[in-house]
């Protein structure tokens, strides 16, 4: 009898404490996901529920067979993700190594490098749009340097690198903080012993620091990969996918399809593919780097 009462009491506690969370999770995540899966098989403008016409797999056939812009956006996003993730993490780790040394201004510099992360993506994009179009142009006129006279948001190649510059400028400071925390936690006696044995800086980095901070590298790679692949706000505020659709990210392509072209069913199908792509890439990345942690 007592065991039954304890069991009922345990179930009651779980329902009281977990029930509201599960209800909110189902309402905010599970139900919209299920509806999105349904609407991916319809032709719907996103406004009138009565006009959602079931079309079967037409949206999916259109994506895989006729939608060249979707695959161009995917190619652009993959290239953007690889380059921006590499540059962001190399820069963040380099800054962390410098700012964990004994330089006097390290606390001020940590704040300065972290500040861009505080600014929202849309606002940051408009700030850099002014810098690229007005600031760089003025510097180019005064100095004659061709780098500042480039049409930074006017061509596919310069637009791509403009997005890379702003993304790295925004994210590197946040990753730097994670790397600083990891480097601060490394055993000092191990570092001193390696230095006494004659280990050079590059040997310390490759043989001691990187294996010891692999958990931080896993986190930083996961954050930068998922953020870069989902990049939308900078794309919207800087280039709007232009010129034409040459710098259109996958997230912006989905936005344009659903909310500008009013093809919500097709946009939802693309969003599901987007979800699967992000999940596959991030899970693979975490799996690979976690194996490095074990071997370290």
C-alpha atoms as a PDB file:
ATOM      1  CA  UNK A   1       0.000   0.000   0.000  1.00  0.00           C
ATOM      2  CA  UNK A   2       2.784   2.408   0.912  1.00  0.00           C
ATOM      3  CA  UNK A   3       4.617   1.531  -2.283  1.00  0.00           C
ATOM      4  CA  UNK A   4       1.512   2.348  -4.362  1.00  0.00           C
ATOM      5  CA  UNK A   5       1.090   5.685  -2.578  1.00  0.00           C
ATOM      6  CA  UNK A   6       4.737   6.567  -3.132  1.00  0.00           C
ATOM      7  CA  UNK A   7       4.409   5.670  -6.810  1.00  0.00           C
ATOM      8  CA  UNK A   8       1.306   7.840  -7.199  1.00  0.00           C
ATOM      9  CA  UNK A   9       3.018  10.669  -5.337  1.00  0.00           C
ATOM     10  CA  UNK A  10       6.018  10.401  -7.653  1.00  0.00           C
ATOM     11  CA  UNK A  11       3.794  10.539 -10.747  1.00  0.00           C
ATOM     12  CA  UNK A  12       1.927  13.519  -9.326  1.00  0.00           C
ATOM     13  CA  UNK A  13       5.183  15.399  -8.750  1.00  0.00           C
ATOM     14  CA  UNK A  14       6.338  14.671 -12.290  1.00  0.00           C
ATOM     15  CA  UNK A  15       3.042  15.867 -13.755  1.00  0.00           C
ATOM     16  CA  UNK A  16       3.088  19.055 -11.658  1.00  0.00           C
ATOM     17  CA  UNK A  17       6.683  19.988 -12.435  1.00  0.00           C
ATOM     18  CA  UNK A  18       7.123  18.630 -15.967  1.00  0.00           C
ATOM     19  CA  UNK A  19       3.554  18.889 -17.253  1.00  0.00           C
ATOM     20  CA  UNK A  20       3.531  22.650 -17.997  1.00  0.00           C
ATOM     21  CA  UNK A  21       6.941  22.433 -19.697  1.00  0.00           C
ATOM     22  CA  UNK A  22       5.793  19.546 -21.891  1.00  0.00           C
ATOM     23  CA  UNK A  23       2.604  21.423 -22.810  1.00  0.00           C
ATOM     24  CA  UNK A  24       4.566  24.533 -23.811  1.00  0.00           C
ATOM     25  CA  UNK A  25       7.136  22.441 -25.717  1.00  0.00           C
ATOM     26  CA  UNK A  26       4.406  20.612 -27.609  1.00  0.00           C
ATOM     27  CA  UNK A  27       2.547  23.850 -28.364  1.00  0.00           C
ATOM     28  CA  UNK A  28       5.585  25.850 -29.463  1.00  0.00           C
ATOM     29  CA  UNK A  29       7.728  23.146 -31.108  1.00  0.00           C
ATOM     30  CA  UNK A  30       5.997  19.841 -31.839  1.00  0.00           C
ATOM     31  CA  UNK A  31       2.649  21.115 -33.150  1.00  0.00           C
ATOM     32  CA  UNK A  32       4.194  23.761 -35.492  1.00  0.00           C
ATOM     33  CA  UNK A  33       6.683  21.164 -36.745  1.00  0.00           C
ATOM     34  CA  UNK A  34       3.868  18.717 -37.515  1.00  0.00           C
ATOM     35  CA  UNK A  35       1.845  21.459 -39.244  1.00  0.00           C
ATOM     36  CA  UNK A  36       4.912  22.484 -41.218  1.00  0.00           C
ATOM     37  CA  UNK A  37       5.356  18.908 -42.384  1.00  0.00           C
ATOM     38  CA  UNK A  38       1.711  18.883 -43.526  1.00  0.00           C
ATOM     39  CA  UNK A  39       1.922  22.232 -45.316  1.00  0.00           C
ATOM     40  CA  UNK A  40       5.044  21.115 -47.188  1.00  0.00           C
ATOM     41  CA  UNK A  41       2.692  18.898 -49.215  1.00  0.00           C
ATOM     42  CA  UNK A  42       0.301  21.738 -50.057  1.00  0.00           C
ATOM     43  CA  UNK A  43       0.049  24.769 -52.299  1.00  0.00           C
ATOM     44  CA  UNK A  44      -0.689  27.565 -49.814  1.00  0.00           C
ATOM     45  CA  UNK A  45      -0.147  31.317 -49.760  1.00  0.00           C
ATOM     46  CA  UNK A  46       0.367  31.402 -45.982  1.00  0.00           C
ATOM     47  CA  UNK A  47      -2.738  33.496 -45.302  1.00  0.00           C
ATOM     48  CA  UNK A  48      -6.007  31.647 -45.949  1.00  0.00           C
ATOM     49  CA  UNK A  49      -6.214  28.195 -44.407  1.00  0.00           C
ATOM     50  CA  UNK A  50      -9.117  27.310 -46.699  1.00  0.00           C
ATOM     51  CA  UNK A  51      -6.879  27.805 -49.738  1.00  0.00           C
ATOM     52  CA  UNK A  52      -4.261  25.247 -48.699  1.00  0.00           C
ATOM     53  CA  UNK A  53      -4.560  22.716 -51.534  1.00  0.00           C
ATOM     54  CA  UNK A  54      -3.019  19.273 -51.113  1.00  0.00           C
ATOM     55  CA  UNK A  55      -0.525  18.704 -53.930  1.00  0.00           C
ATOM     56  CA  UNK A  56       1.295  15.630 -52.695  1.00  0.00           C
ATOM     57  CA  UNK A  57       4.992  15.570 -53.471  1.00  0.00           C
ATOM     58  CA  UNK A  58       4.871  18.391 -56.062  1.00  0.00           C
ATOM     59  CA  UNK A  59       6.847  20.798 -53.850  1.00  0.00           C
ATOM     60  CA  UNK A  60       9.547  18.232 -53.232  1.00  0.00           C
ATOM     61  CA  UNK A  61       9.804  17.353 -56.930  1.00  0.00           C
ATOM     62  CA  UNK A  62      10.074  21.041 -57.770  1.00  0.00           C
ATOM     63  CA  UNK A  63      12.916  21.527 -55.270  1.00  0.00           C
ATOM     64  CA  UNK A  64      14.948  18.545 -56.445  1.00  0.00           C
ATOM     65  CA  UNK A  65      14.301  18.898 -60.176  1.00  0.00           C
ATOM     66  CA  UNK A  66      13.522  22.523 -61.097  1.00  0.00           C
ATOM     67  CA  UNK A  67      14.651  24.896 -58.332  1.00  0.00           C
ATOM     68  CA  UNK A  68      18.158  25.943 -59.345  1.00  0.00           C
ATOM     69  CA  UNK A  69      18.105  28.953 -56.997  1.00  0.00           C
ATOM     70  CA  UNK A  70      17.643  26.684 -53.984  1.00  0.00           C
ATOM     71  CA  UNK A  71      20.744  24.646 -54.847  1.00  0.00           C
ATOM     72  CA  UNK A  72      22.732  27.790 -55.645  1.00  0.00           C
ATOM     73  CA  UNK A  73      21.757  29.127 -52.201  1.00  0.00           C
ATOM     74  CA  UNK A  74      22.774  25.826 -50.607  1.00  0.00           C
ATOM     75  CA  UNK A  75      26.142  25.944 -52.373  1.00  0.00           C
ATOM     76  CA  UNK A  76      26.657  29.549 -51.270  1.00  0.00           C
ATOM     77  CA  UNK A  77      25.717  28.680 -47.681  1.00  0.00           C
ATOM     78  CA  UNK A  78      28.063  25.685 -47.527  1.00  0.00           C
ATOM     79  CA  UNK A  79      30.967  27.740 -48.864  1.00  0.00           C
ATOM     80  CA  UNK A  80      30.145  30.595 -46.504  1.00  0.00           C
ATOM     81  CA  UNK A  81      29.911  28.211 -43.531  1.00  0.00           C
ATOM     82  CA  UNK A  82      33.246  26.473 -44.170  1.00  0.00           C
ATOM     83  CA  UNK A  83      35.225  29.685 -44.670  1.00  0.00           C
ATOM     84  CA  UNK A  84      33.592  31.711 -41.897  1.00  0.00           C
ATOM     85  CA  UNK A  85      33.837  28.891 -39.333  1.00  0.00           C
ATOM     86  CA  UNK A  86      37.539  28.361 -40.051  1.00  0.00           C
ATOM     87  CA  UNK A  87      38.404  32.067 -39.929  1.00  0.00           C
ATOM     88  CA  UNK A  88      36.260  32.764 -36.838  1.00  0.00           C
ATOM     89  CA  UNK A  89      37.776  29.958 -34.807  1.00  0.00           C
ATOM     90  CA  UNK A  90      41.377  30.585 -35.877  1.00  0.00           C
ATOM     91  CA  UNK A  91      40.998  34.269 -35.053  1.00  0.00           C
ATOM     92  CA  UNK A  92      39.200  33.580 -31.766  1.00  0.00           C
ATOM     93  CA  UNK A  93      41.832  31.068 -30.640  1.00  0.00           C
ATOM     94  CA  UNK A  94      44.631  33.450 -31.626  1.00  0.00           C
ATOM     95  CA  UNK A  95      43.053  36.290 -29.673  1.00  0.00           C
ATOM     96  CA  UNK A  96      42.523  33.985 -26.691  1.00  0.00           C
ATOM     97  CA  UNK A  97      46.182  32.949 -26.687  1.00  0.00           C
ATOM     98  CA  UNK A  98      47.283  36.574 -26.826  1.00  0.00           C
ATOM     99  CA  UNK A  99      44.821  37.753 -24.171  1.00  0.00           C
ATOM    100  CA  UNK A 100      45.750  35.006 -21.706  1.00  0.00           C
ATOM    101  CA  UNK A 101      49.340  36.234 -21.733  1.00  0.00           C
ATOM    102  CA  UNK A 102      50.687  38.893 -19.415  1.00  0.00           C
ATOM    103  CA  UNK A 103      49.943  41.976 -21.514  1.00  0.00           C
ATOM    104  CA  UNK A 104      48.634  44.839 -19.377  1.00  0.00           C
ATOM    105  CA  UNK A 105      45.626  45.792 -21.500  1.00  0.00           C
ATOM    106  CA  UNK A 106      44.210  42.274 -21.801  1.00  0.00           C
ATOM    107  CA  UNK A 107      41.033  43.005 -19.784  1.00  0.00           C
ATOM    108  CA  UNK A 108      40.183  46.063 -21.852  1.00  0.00           C
ATOM    109  CA  UNK A 109      40.922  44.217 -25.097  1.00  0.00           C
ATOM    110  CA  UNK A 110      38.701  41.305 -24.083  1.00  0.00           C
ATOM    111  CA  UNK A 111      35.806  43.738 -23.656  1.00  0.00           C
ATOM    112  CA  UNK A 112      36.560  45.470 -26.958  1.00  0.00           C
ATOM    113  CA  UNK A 113      36.669  42.239 -28.945  1.00  0.00           C
ATOM    114  CA  UNK A 114      33.515  40.905 -27.280  1.00  0.00           C
ATOM    115  CA  UNK A 115      31.437  44.060 -27.895  1.00  0.00           C
ATOM    116  CA  UNK A 116      30.387  43.284 -31.517  1.00  0.00           C
ATOM    117  CA  UNK A 117      28.535  40.200 -30.275  1.00  0.00           C
ATOM    118  CA  UNK A 118      26.271  42.420 -28.165  1.00  0.00           C
ATOM    119  CA  UNK A 119      24.947  44.248 -31.250  1.00  0.00           C
ATOM    120  CA  UNK A 120      21.982  42.613 -32.999  1.00  0.00           C
ATOM    121  CA  UNK A 121      22.521  41.166 -36.461  1.00  0.00           C
ATOM    122  CA  UNK A 122      20.137  43.484 -38.340  1.00  0.00           C
ATOM    123  CA  UNK A 123      21.564  46.625 -36.711  1.00  0.00           C
ATOM    124  CA  UNK A 124      25.098  45.361 -37.200  1.00  0.00           C
ATOM    125  CA  UNK A 125      24.385  44.749 -40.875  1.00  0.00           C
ATOM    126  CA  UNK A 126      23.134  48.279 -41.447  1.00  0.00           C
ATOM    127  CA  UNK A 127      26.155  49.710 -39.602  1.00  0.00           C
ATOM    128  CA  UNK A 128      28.514  47.757 -41.839  1.00  0.00           C
ATOM    129  CA  UNK A 129      26.489  48.646 -44.913  1.00  0.00           C
ATOM    130  CA  UNK A 130      27.303  52.287 -44.156  1.00  0.00           C
ATOM    131  CA  UNK A 131      30.955  51.389 -43.530  1.00  0.00           C
ATOM    132  CA  UNK A 132      31.268  49.501 -46.815  1.00  0.00           C
ATOM    133  CA  UNK A 133      29.508  52.105 -48.949  1.00  0.00           C
ATOM    134  CA  UNK A 134      30.538  55.374 -47.272  1.00  0.00           C
ATOM    135  CA  UNK A 135      33.391  54.714 -44.851  1.00  0.00           C
ATOM    136  CA  UNK A 136      35.545  52.550 -47.108  1.00  0.00           C
ATOM    137  CA  UNK A 137      34.857  54.826 -50.059  1.00  0.00           C
ATOM    138  CA  UNK A 138      36.061  57.887 -48.163  1.00  0.00           C
ATOM    139  CA  UNK A 139      39.186  56.082 -46.931  1.00  0.00           C
ATOM    140  CA  UNK A 140      39.863  54.905 -50.483  1.00  0.00           C
ATOM    141  CA  UNK A 141      39.633  58.445 -51.838  1.00  0.00           C
ATOM    142  CA  UNK A 142      41.981  59.783 -49.166  1.00  0.00           C
ATOM    143  CA  UNK A 143      44.563  57.011 -49.331  1.00  0.00           C
ATOM    144  CA  UNK A 144      44.234  55.739 -52.889  1.00  0.00           C
ATOM    145  CA  UNK A 145      44.273  52.134 -51.641  1.00  0.00           C
ATOM    146  CA  UNK A 146      42.360  49.868 -54.029  1.00  0.00           C
ATOM    147  CA  UNK A 147      41.180  47.639 -51.177  1.00  0.00           C
ATOM    148  CA  UNK A 148      38.895  50.388 -49.880  1.00  0.00           C
ATOM    149  CA  UNK A 149      37.692  51.357 -53.358  1.00  0.00           C
ATOM    150  CA  UNK A 150      36.191  47.940 -54.127  1.00  0.00           C
ATOM    151  CA  UNK A 151      32.389  47.743 -54.626  1.00  0.00           C
ATOM    152  CA  UNK A 152      32.054  45.695 -51.459  1.00  0.00           C
ATOM    153  CA  UNK A 153      28.342  45.002 -51.763  1.00  0.00           C
ATOM    154  CA  UNK A 154      28.086  45.428 -55.527  1.00  0.00           C
ATOM    155  CA  UNK A 155      29.544  42.202 -56.955  1.00  0.00           C
ATOM    156  CA  UNK A 156      29.070  38.513 -56.073  1.00  0.00           C
ATOM    157  CA  UNK A 157      32.679  37.997 -54.939  1.00  0.00           C
ATOM    158  CA  UNK A 158      33.022  41.178 -52.866  1.00  0.00           C
ATOM    159  CA  UNK A 159      29.523  40.702 -51.438  1.00  0.00           C
ATOM    160  CA  UNK A 160      30.489  37.207 -50.296  1.00  0.00           C
ATOM    161  CA  UNK A 161      33.642  38.436 -48.572  1.00  0.00           C
ATOM    162  CA  UNK A 162      31.765  41.386 -47.113  1.00  0.00           C
ATOM    163  CA  UNK A 163      29.414  38.945 -45.389  1.00  0.00           C
ATOM    164  CA  UNK A 164      32.413  36.907 -44.205  1.00  0.00           C
ATOM    165  CA  UNK A 165      34.074  40.003 -42.717  1.00  0.00           C
ATOM    166  CA  UNK A 166      30.987  41.067 -40.775  1.00  0.00           C
ATOM    167  CA  UNK A 167      30.177  37.540 -39.573  1.00  0.00           C
ATOM    168  CA  UNK A 168      33.723  36.966 -38.310  1.00  0.00           C
ATOM    169  CA  UNK A 169      33.801  40.414 -36.703  1.00  0.00           C
ATOM    170  CA  UNK A 170      30.590  39.604 -34.831  1.00  0.00           C
ATOM    171  CA  UNK A 171      31.265  36.025 -33.719  1.00  0.00           C
ATOM    172  CA  UNK A 172      35.016  35.844 -33.059  1.00  0.00           C
ATOM    173  CA  UNK A 173      34.770  37.773 -29.781  1.00  0.00           C
ATOM    174  CA  UNK A 174      32.211  35.401 -28.291  1.00  0.00           C
ATOM    175  CA  UNK A 175      34.251  32.337 -29.289  1.00  0.00           C
ATOM    176  CA  UNK A 176      37.323  34.076 -27.856  1.00  0.00           C
ATOM    177  CA  UNK A 177      35.686  34.160 -24.414  1.00  0.00           C
ATOM    178  CA  UNK A 178      35.050  30.396 -24.545  1.00  0.00           C
ATOM    179  CA  UNK A 179      38.639  29.724 -25.587  1.00  0.00           C
ATOM    180  CA  UNK A 180      39.959  32.018 -22.846  1.00  0.00           C
ATOM    181  CA  UNK A 181      37.968  30.076 -20.247  1.00  0.00           C
ATOM    182  CA  UNK A 182      39.372  26.797 -21.582  1.00  0.00           C
ATOM    183  CA  UNK A 183      42.961  28.052 -21.735  1.00  0.00           C
ATOM    184  CA  UNK A 184      42.712  29.473 -18.221  1.00  0.00           C
ATOM    185  CA  UNK A 185      41.749  26.021 -16.960  1.00  0.00           C
ATOM    186  CA  UNK A 186      44.761  24.223 -18.437  1.00  0.00           C
ATOM    187  CA  UNK A 187      47.223  22.854 -15.826  1.00  0.00           C
ATOM    188  CA  UNK A 188      50.036  25.360 -15.402  1.00  0.00           C
ATOM    189  CA  UNK A 189      52.511  22.778 -14.118  1.00  0.00           C
ATOM    190  CA  UNK A 190      52.100  20.771 -17.329  1.00  0.00           C
ATOM    191  CA  UNK A 191      52.823  23.853 -19.449  1.00  0.00           C
ATOM    192  CA  UNK A 192      55.853  24.767 -17.328  1.00  0.00           C
ATOM    193  CA  UNK A 193      57.188  21.214 -17.517  1.00  0.00           C
ATOM    194  CA  UNK A 194      56.897  21.215 -21.311  1.00  0.00           C
ATOM    195  CA  UNK A 195      58.671  24.576 -21.511  1.00  0.00           C
ATOM    196  CA  UNK A 196      61.467  23.303 -19.300  1.00  0.00           C
ATOM    197  CA  UNK A 197      61.844  20.319 -21.634  1.00  0.00           C
ATOM    198  CA  UNK A 198      62.373  22.736 -24.527  1.00  0.00           C
ATOM    199  CA  UNK A 199      58.945  22.671 -26.175  1.00  0.00           C
ATOM    200  CA  UNK A 200      58.500  25.503 -28.654  1.00  0.00           C
ATOM    201  CA  UNK A 201      55.316  27.612 -28.922  1.00  0.00           C
ATOM    202  CA  UNK A 202      53.932  25.675 -31.905  1.00  0.00           C
ATOM    203  CA  UNK A 203      54.623  22.385 -30.105  1.00  0.00           C
ATOM    204  CA  UNK A 204      52.866  23.643 -26.971  1.00  0.00           C
ATOM    205  CA  UNK A 205      49.873  24.624 -29.101  1.00  0.00           C
ATOM    206  CA  UNK A 206      49.627  21.386 -31.074  1.00  0.00           C
ATOM    207  CA  UNK A 207      50.596  18.850 -28.420  1.00  0.00           C
ATOM    208  CA  UNK A 208      49.241  20.359 -25.188  1.00  0.00           C
ATOM    209  CA  UNK A 209      46.869  23.282 -25.588  1.00  0.00           C
ATOM    210  CA  UNK A 210      44.665  21.962 -28.396  1.00  0.00           C
ATOM    211  CA  UNK A 211      44.170  18.444 -26.924  1.00  0.00           C
ATOM    212  CA  UNK A 212      43.350  19.951 -23.527  1.00  0.00           C
ATOM    213  CA  UNK A 213      40.820  22.465 -24.878  1.00  0.00           C
ATOM    214  CA  UNK A 214      39.075  20.091 -27.324  1.00  0.00           C
ATOM    215  CA  UNK A 215      35.762  20.362 -25.404  1.00  0.00           C
ATOM    216  CA  UNK A 216      35.848  24.133 -25.991  1.00  0.00           C
ATOM    217  CA  UNK A 217      36.736  23.590 -29.655  1.00  0.00           C
ATOM    218  CA  UNK A 218      33.741  21.267 -29.979  1.00  0.00           C
ATOM    219  CA  UNK A 219      31.431  23.915 -28.527  1.00  0.00           C
ATOM    220  CA  UNK A 220      32.863  26.745 -30.635  1.00  0.00           C
ATOM    221  CA  UNK A 221      32.713  24.743 -33.855  1.00  0.00           C
ATOM    222  CA  UNK A 222      29.127  23.751 -33.103  1.00  0.00           C
ATOM    223  CA  UNK A 223      28.051  27.328 -32.371  1.00  0.00           C
ATOM    224  CA  UNK A 224      29.795  28.883 -35.353  1.00  0.00           C
ATOM    225  CA  UNK A 225      28.685  26.128 -37.761  1.00  0.00           C
ATOM    226  CA  UNK A 226      25.020  26.309 -36.786  1.00  0.00           C
ATOM    227  CA  UNK A 227      25.042  30.122 -36.732  1.00  0.00           C
ATOM    228  CA  UNK A 228      26.776  30.426 -40.107  1.00  0.00           C
ATOM    229  CA  UNK A 229      24.490  27.890 -41.761  1.00  0.00           C
ATOM    230  CA  UNK A 230      21.418  29.719 -40.437  1.00  0.00           C
ATOM    231  CA  UNK A 231      22.771  33.172 -41.342  1.00  0.00           C
ATOM    232  CA  UNK A 232      19.850  35.412 -42.319  1.00  0.00           C
ATOM    233  CA  UNK A 233      19.924  38.803 -40.602  1.00  0.00           C
ATOM    234  CA  UNK A 234      23.279  39.875 -42.059  1.00  0.00           C
ATOM    235  CA  UNK A 235      22.181  38.662 -45.480  1.00  0.00           C
ATOM    236  CA  UNK A 236      18.971  40.690 -45.229  1.00  0.00           C
ATOM    237  CA  UNK A 237      20.565  43.913 -44.043  1.00  0.00           C
ATOM    238  CA  UNK A 238      23.768  43.864 -46.136  1.00  0.00           C
ATOM    239  CA  UNK A 239      23.069  42.435 -49.599  1.00  0.00           C
ATOM    240  CA  UNK A 240      19.449  41.163 -49.627  1.00  0.00           C
ATOM    241  CA  UNK A 241      20.858  38.207 -51.539  1.00  0.00           C
ATOM    242  CA  UNK A 242      22.149  40.419 -54.360  1.00  0.00           C
ATOM    243  CA  UNK A 243      23.367  41.269 -56.840  1.00  0.00           C
ATOM    244  CA  UNK A 244      20.516  39.160 -58.181  1.00  0.00           C
ATOM    245  CA  UNK A 245      20.583  36.041 -56.013  1.00  0.00           C
ATOM    246  CA  UNK A 246      24.371  35.555 -56.055  1.00  0.00           C
ATOM    247  CA  UNK A 247      24.796  36.066 -52.293  1.00  0.00           C
ATOM    248  CA  UNK A 248      21.503  34.550 -51.185  1.00  0.00           C
ATOM    249  CA  UNK A 249      21.834  32.274 -48.178  1.00  0.00           C
ATOM    250  CA  UNK A 250      19.598  29.251 -47.746  1.00  0.00           C
ATOM    251  CA  UNK A 251      17.684  30.897 -44.904  1.00  0.00           C
ATOM    252  CA  UNK A 252      17.068  33.999 -47.038  1.00  0.00           C
ATOM    253  CA  UNK A 253      15.930  31.824 -49.960  1.00  0.00           C
ATOM    254  CA  UNK A 254      13.334  30.190 -47.702  1.00  0.00           C
ATOM    255  CA  UNK A 255      12.215  33.582 -46.400  1.00  0.00           C
ATOM    256  CA  UNK A 256      11.845  34.965 -49.921  1.00  0.00           C
ATOM    257  CA  UNK A 257       9.941  31.907 -51.114  1.00  0.00           C
ATOM    258  CA  UNK A 258       7.444  31.863 -48.257  1.00  0.00           C
ATOM    259  CA  UNK A 259       6.963  35.514 -47.300  1.00  0.00           C
ATOM    260  CA  UNK A 260       7.809  37.460 -50.464  1.00  0.00           C
ATOM    261  CA  UNK A 261       6.619  35.088 -53.196  1.00  0.00           C
ATOM    262  CA  UNK A 262       3.729  33.850 -50.990  1.00  0.00           C
ATOM    263  CA  UNK A 263       4.512  30.210 -51.729  1.00  0.00           C
ATOM    264  CA  UNK A 264       4.301  29.067 -48.139  1.00  0.00           C
ATOM    265  CA  UNK A 265       3.960  25.364 -48.935  1.00  0.00           C
ATOM    266  CA  UNK A 266       7.106  25.358 -51.053  1.00  0.00           C
ATOM    267  CA  UNK A 267       8.922  27.477 -48.465  1.00  0.00           C
ATOM    268  CA  UNK A 268       7.959  25.029 -45.719  1.00  0.00           C
ATOM    269  CA  UNK A 269       9.305  22.092 -47.727  1.00  0.00           C
ATOM    270  CA  UNK A 270      12.583  23.962 -48.143  1.00  0.00           C
ATOM    271  CA  UNK A 271      12.612  24.728 -44.412  1.00  0.00           C
ATOM    272  CA  UNK A 272      12.328  21.029 -43.597  1.00  0.00           C
ATOM    273  CA  UNK A 273      15.260  20.242 -45.877  1.00  0.00           C
ATOM    274  CA  UNK A 274      17.115  23.101 -44.214  1.00  0.00           C
ATOM    275  CA  UNK A 275      16.410  21.589 -40.794  1.00  0.00           C
ATOM    276  CA  UNK A 276      17.694  18.181 -41.913  1.00  0.00           C
ATOM    277  CA  UNK A 277      20.836  19.724 -43.411  1.00  0.00           C
ATOM    278  CA  UNK A 278      21.660  21.733 -40.276  1.00  0.00           C
ATOM    279  CA  UNK A 279      21.017  18.712 -38.066  1.00  0.00           C
ATOM    280  CA  UNK A 280      23.196  16.414 -40.175  1.00  0.00           C
ATOM    281  CA  UNK A 281      26.096  18.872 -40.384  1.00  0.00           C
ATOM    282  CA  UNK A 282      26.136  19.814 -36.703  1.00  0.00           C
ATOM    283  CA  UNK A 283      25.685  16.230 -35.474  1.00  0.00           C
ATOM    284  CA  UNK A 284      28.534  15.069 -37.706  1.00  0.00           C
ATOM    285  CA  UNK A 285      30.779  17.894 -36.520  1.00  0.00           C
ATOM    286  CA  UNK A 286      30.073  17.183 -32.838  1.00  0.00           C
ATOM    287  CA  UNK A 287      30.627  13.444 -33.377  1.00  0.00           C
ATOM    288  CA  UNK A 288      33.995  14.012 -35.071  1.00  0.00           C
ATOM    289  CA  UNK A 289      35.303  16.482 -32.494  1.00  0.00           C
ATOM    290  CA  UNK A 290      34.017  14.403 -29.577  1.00  0.00           C
ATOM    291  CA  UNK A 291      36.124  11.516 -30.860  1.00  0.00           C
ATOM    292  CA  UNK A 292      39.119  13.836 -30.776  1.00  0.00           C
ATOM    293  CA  UNK A 293      38.357  14.595 -27.131  1.00  0.00           C
ATOM    294  CA  UNK A 294      38.417  10.887 -26.286  1.00  0.00           C
ATOM    295  CA  UNK A 295      41.682  10.283 -28.141  1.00  0.00           C
ATOM    296  CA  UNK A 296      43.240  13.338 -26.449  1.00  0.00           C
END
